[in-house]
Amino acid sequence: MNYKKIDTFEKVLEFNGETMEQFNNRTIKMAPDTFGYEKVKAIVLAMNGGKNVTSGYFPLFWNPNRSAVRFSYSDYKFVIGHSSVSCRLLIIDAKRTIYAGETFGKEYSEYING
């Protein structure tokens, strides 16, 4: 399947062979950040065509809460804050990475902000 056809979280789950009901039942008692992590893992698996990868890219997206500055790497310059997270959740190429960041920013924010 063309990764650009995966444009909703429901389609992510469909690609991975799971329904929204199954996902919700499996994650019902999880903490909000763990629930977000499960969503991001599903997105990464779908963007990688069902493969787990050990090298690649992680999505860049706008974090509306601006809380990510305290994660793994930060660089602050007078008016610019930058943070890098999710280095284990890699996507195989830059095009898919850009697409995931643009399409699933809400889900990544749920993971980071809980």
C-alpha atoms as a PDB file:
ATOM      1  CA  MET A   1       0.000   0.000   0.000  1.00  0.00           C
ATOM      2  CA  ASN A   2       1.184   3.509  -0.791  1.00  0.00           C
ATOM      3  CA  TYR A   3       2.000   5.247   2.495  1.00  0.00           C
ATOM      4  CA  LYS A   4       0.174   8.398   1.331  1.00  0.00           C
ATOM      5  CA  LYS A   5      -3.102   6.472   1.446  1.00  0.00           C
ATOM      6  CA  ILE A   6      -2.588   6.077   5.197  1.00  0.00           C
ATOM      7  CA  ASP A   7      -3.958   9.449   6.242  1.00  0.00           C
ATOM      8  CA  THR A   8      -5.908   8.674   9.434  1.00  0.00           C
ATOM      9  CA  PHE A   9      -5.121   6.696  12.548  1.00  0.00           C
ATOM     10  CA  GLU A  10      -7.902   4.262  11.625  1.00  0.00           C
ATOM     11  CA  LYS A  11      -6.088   3.538   8.350  1.00  0.00           C
ATOM     12  CA  VAL A  12      -2.856   3.035  10.295  1.00  0.00           C
ATOM     13  CA  LEU A  13      -4.573   0.377  12.375  1.00  0.00           C
ATOM     14  CA  GLU A  14      -6.186  -1.181   9.303  1.00  0.00           C
ATOM     15  CA  PHE A  15      -2.774  -1.477   7.648  1.00  0.00           C
ATOM     16  CA  ASN A  16      -1.408  -3.107  10.799  1.00  0.00           C
ATOM     17  CA  GLY A  17      -4.318  -5.574  10.961  1.00  0.00           C
ATOM     18  CA  GLU A  18      -6.096  -4.088  13.958  1.00  0.00           C
ATOM     19  CA  THR A  19      -9.434  -2.337  14.402  1.00  0.00           C
ATOM     20  CA  MET A  20     -10.004   0.800  16.441  1.00  0.00           C
ATOM     21  CA  GLU A  21     -12.104  -1.262  18.852  1.00  0.00           C
ATOM     22  CA  GLN A  22      -9.270  -3.768  19.340  1.00  0.00           C
ATOM     23  CA  PHE A  23      -6.774  -0.950  19.848  1.00  0.00           C
ATOM     24  CA  ASN A  24      -9.009   0.784  22.388  1.00  0.00           C
ATOM     25  CA  ASN A  25      -9.602  -2.472  24.290  1.00  0.00           C
ATOM     26  CA  ARG A  26      -5.874  -3.202  24.335  1.00  0.00           C
ATOM     27  CA  THR A  27      -4.916   0.281  25.574  1.00  0.00           C
ATOM     28  CA  ILE A  28      -7.884   1.151  27.819  1.00  0.00           C
ATOM     29  CA  LYS A  29      -6.012   1.173  31.129  1.00  0.00           C
ATOM     30  CA  MET A  30      -2.788   2.762  29.885  1.00  0.00           C
ATOM     31  CA  ALA A  31      -1.483   6.094  31.101  1.00  0.00           C
ATOM     32  CA  PRO A  32      -1.967   8.913  28.562  1.00  0.00           C
ATOM     33  CA  ASP A  33       1.712   8.995  27.546  1.00  0.00           C
ATOM     34  CA  THR A  34       1.820   5.210  27.111  1.00  0.00           C
ATOM     35  CA  PHE A  35      -1.386   5.377  25.074  1.00  0.00           C
ATOM     36  CA  GLY A  36       0.288   8.013  22.876  1.00  0.00           C
ATOM     37  CA  TYR A  37       3.381   5.822  22.562  1.00  0.00           C
ATOM     38  CA  GLU A  38       1.252   2.907  21.342  1.00  0.00           C
ATOM     39  CA  LYS A  39      -0.290   5.198  18.717  1.00  0.00           C
ATOM     40  CA  VAL A  40       3.117   6.396  17.513  1.00  0.00           C
ATOM     41  CA  LYS A  41       4.478   2.827  17.366  1.00  0.00           C
ATOM     42  CA  ALA A  42       1.515   1.876  15.158  1.00  0.00           C
ATOM     43  CA  ILE A  43       2.097   4.908  12.904  1.00  0.00           C
ATOM     44  CA  VAL A  44       5.804   4.127  12.520  1.00  0.00           C
ATOM     45  CA  LEU A  45       5.104   0.488  11.668  1.00  0.00           C
ATOM     46  CA  ALA A  46       2.587   1.524   8.993  1.00  0.00           C
ATOM     47  CA  MET A  47       4.873   4.211   7.535  1.00  0.00           C
ATOM     48  CA  ASN A  48       7.646   1.604   7.281  1.00  0.00           C
ATOM     49  CA  GLY A  49       5.424  -0.806   5.383  1.00  0.00           C
ATOM     50  CA  GLY A  50       5.193  -3.213   8.318  1.00  0.00           C
ATOM     51  CA  LYS A  51       8.952  -3.397   8.889  1.00  0.00           C
ATOM     52  CA  ASN A  52      10.926  -2.549  12.021  1.00  0.00           C
ATOM     53  CA  VAL A  53      13.979  -0.482  11.138  1.00  0.00           C
ATOM     54  CA  THR A  54      17.146   0.395  13.035  1.00  0.00           C
ATOM     55  CA  SER A  55      18.180   3.438  11.032  1.00  0.00           C
ATOM     56  CA  GLY A  56      16.174   6.226   9.491  1.00  0.00           C
ATOM     57  CA  TYR A  57      14.533   9.516  10.387  1.00  0.00           C
ATOM     58  CA  PHE A  58      12.136  10.749  13.022  1.00  0.00           C
ATOM     59  CA  PRO A  59       9.289  13.140  12.166  1.00  0.00           C
ATOM     60  CA  LEU A  60       9.470  16.845  12.755  1.00  0.00           C
ATOM     61  CA  PHE A  61       6.187  18.403  13.791  1.00  0.00           C
ATOM     62  CA  TRP A  62       4.868  21.438  15.602  1.00  0.00           C
ATOM     63  CA  ASN A  63       4.309  20.752  19.306  1.00  0.00           C
ATOM     64  CA  PRO A  64       1.572  23.171  20.426  1.00  0.00           C
ATOM     65  CA  ASN A  65       2.376  22.757  24.143  1.00  0.00           C
ATOM     66  CA  ARG A  66       6.065  23.604  23.755  1.00  0.00           C
ATOM     67  CA  SER A  67       6.897  21.130  26.503  1.00  0.00           C
ATOM     68  CA  ALA A  68       9.398  19.123  24.481  1.00  0.00           C
ATOM     69  CA  VAL A  69      12.348  21.372  25.329  1.00  0.00           C
ATOM     70  CA  ARG A  70      13.210  19.198  28.300  1.00  0.00           C
ATOM     71  CA  PHE A  71      13.544  15.953  26.337  1.00  0.00           C
ATOM     72  CA  SER A  72      16.684  14.228  25.119  1.00  0.00           C
ATOM     73  CA  TYR A  73      18.336  17.139  23.298  1.00  0.00           C
ATOM     74  CA  SER A  74      17.743  20.852  23.426  1.00  0.00           C
ATOM     75  CA  ASP A  75      19.320  23.896  21.895  1.00  0.00           C
ATOM     76  CA  TYR A  76      18.174  27.345  22.933  1.00  0.00           C
ATOM     77  CA  LYS A  77      19.093  30.534  21.134  1.00  0.00           C
ATOM     78  CA  PHE A  78      17.531  33.809  22.164  1.00  0.00           C
ATOM     79  CA  VAL A  79      14.199  33.163  20.385  1.00  0.00           C
ATOM     80  CA  ILE A  80      14.468  29.581  19.095  1.00  0.00           C
ATOM     81  CA  GLY A  81      13.956  26.357  21.020  1.00  0.00           C
ATOM     82  CA  HIS A  82      14.685  22.979  19.451  1.00  0.00           C
ATOM     83  CA  SER A  83      14.190  19.480  20.803  1.00  0.00           C
ATOM     84  CA  SER A  84      14.789  16.002  19.393  1.00  0.00           C
ATOM     85  CA  VAL A  85      12.821  13.019  20.692  1.00  0.00           C
ATOM     86  CA  SER A  86      11.613   9.584  19.607  1.00  0.00           C
ATOM     87  CA  CYS A  87      14.925   8.407  18.187  1.00  0.00           C
ATOM     88  CA  ARG A  88      13.829   4.767  18.530  1.00  0.00           C
ATOM     89  CA  LEU A  89      10.723   5.344  16.431  1.00  0.00           C
ATOM     90  CA  LEU A  90      12.455   5.770  13.096  1.00  0.00           C
ATOM     91  CA  ILE A  91      10.912   5.975   9.636  1.00  0.00           C
ATOM     92  CA  ILE A  92      12.837   4.608   6.666  1.00  0.00           C
ATOM     93  CA  ASP A  93      13.059   7.690   4.459  1.00  0.00           C
ATOM     94  CA  ALA A  94      12.717  11.458   4.563  1.00  0.00           C
ATOM     95  CA  LYS A  95       9.566  11.640   2.409  1.00  0.00           C
ATOM     96  CA  ARG A  96       7.646   9.308   4.703  1.00  0.00           C
ATOM     97  CA  THR A  97       9.009  11.164   7.707  1.00  0.00           C
ATOM     98  CA  ILE A  98       7.753  14.516   6.457  1.00  0.00           C
ATOM     99  CA  TYR A  99       4.385  12.966   5.628  1.00  0.00           C
ATOM    100  CA  ALA A 100       4.052  11.404   9.099  1.00  0.00           C
ATOM    101  CA  GLY A 101       4.953  14.666  10.826  1.00  0.00           C
ATOM    102  CA  GLU A 102       2.424  16.622   8.779  1.00  0.00           C
ATOM    103  CA  THR A 103      -0.345  14.015   9.000  1.00  0.00           C
ATOM    104  CA  PHE A 104      -0.011  12.681  12.547  1.00  0.00           C
ATOM    105  CA  GLY A 105       1.182  15.686  14.563  1.00  0.00           C
ATOM    106  CA  LYS A 106      -1.708  15.296  17.009  1.00  0.00           C
ATOM    107  CA  GLU A 107      -0.724  11.715  17.799  1.00  0.00           C
ATOM    108  CA  TYR A 108       2.933  12.644  18.292  1.00  0.00           C
ATOM    109  CA  SER A 109       1.864  15.478  20.585  1.00  0.00           C
ATOM    110  CA  GLU A 110      -0.248  13.029  22.626  1.00  0.00           C
ATOM    111  CA  TYR A 111       2.838  10.862  23.058  1.00  0.00           C
ATOM    112  CA  ILE A 112       5.102  13.711  24.131  1.00  0.00           C
ATOM    113  CA  ASN A 113       2.605  15.657  26.229  1.00  0.00           C
ATOM    114  CA  GLY A 114       0.637  12.736  27.673  1.00  0.00           C
END
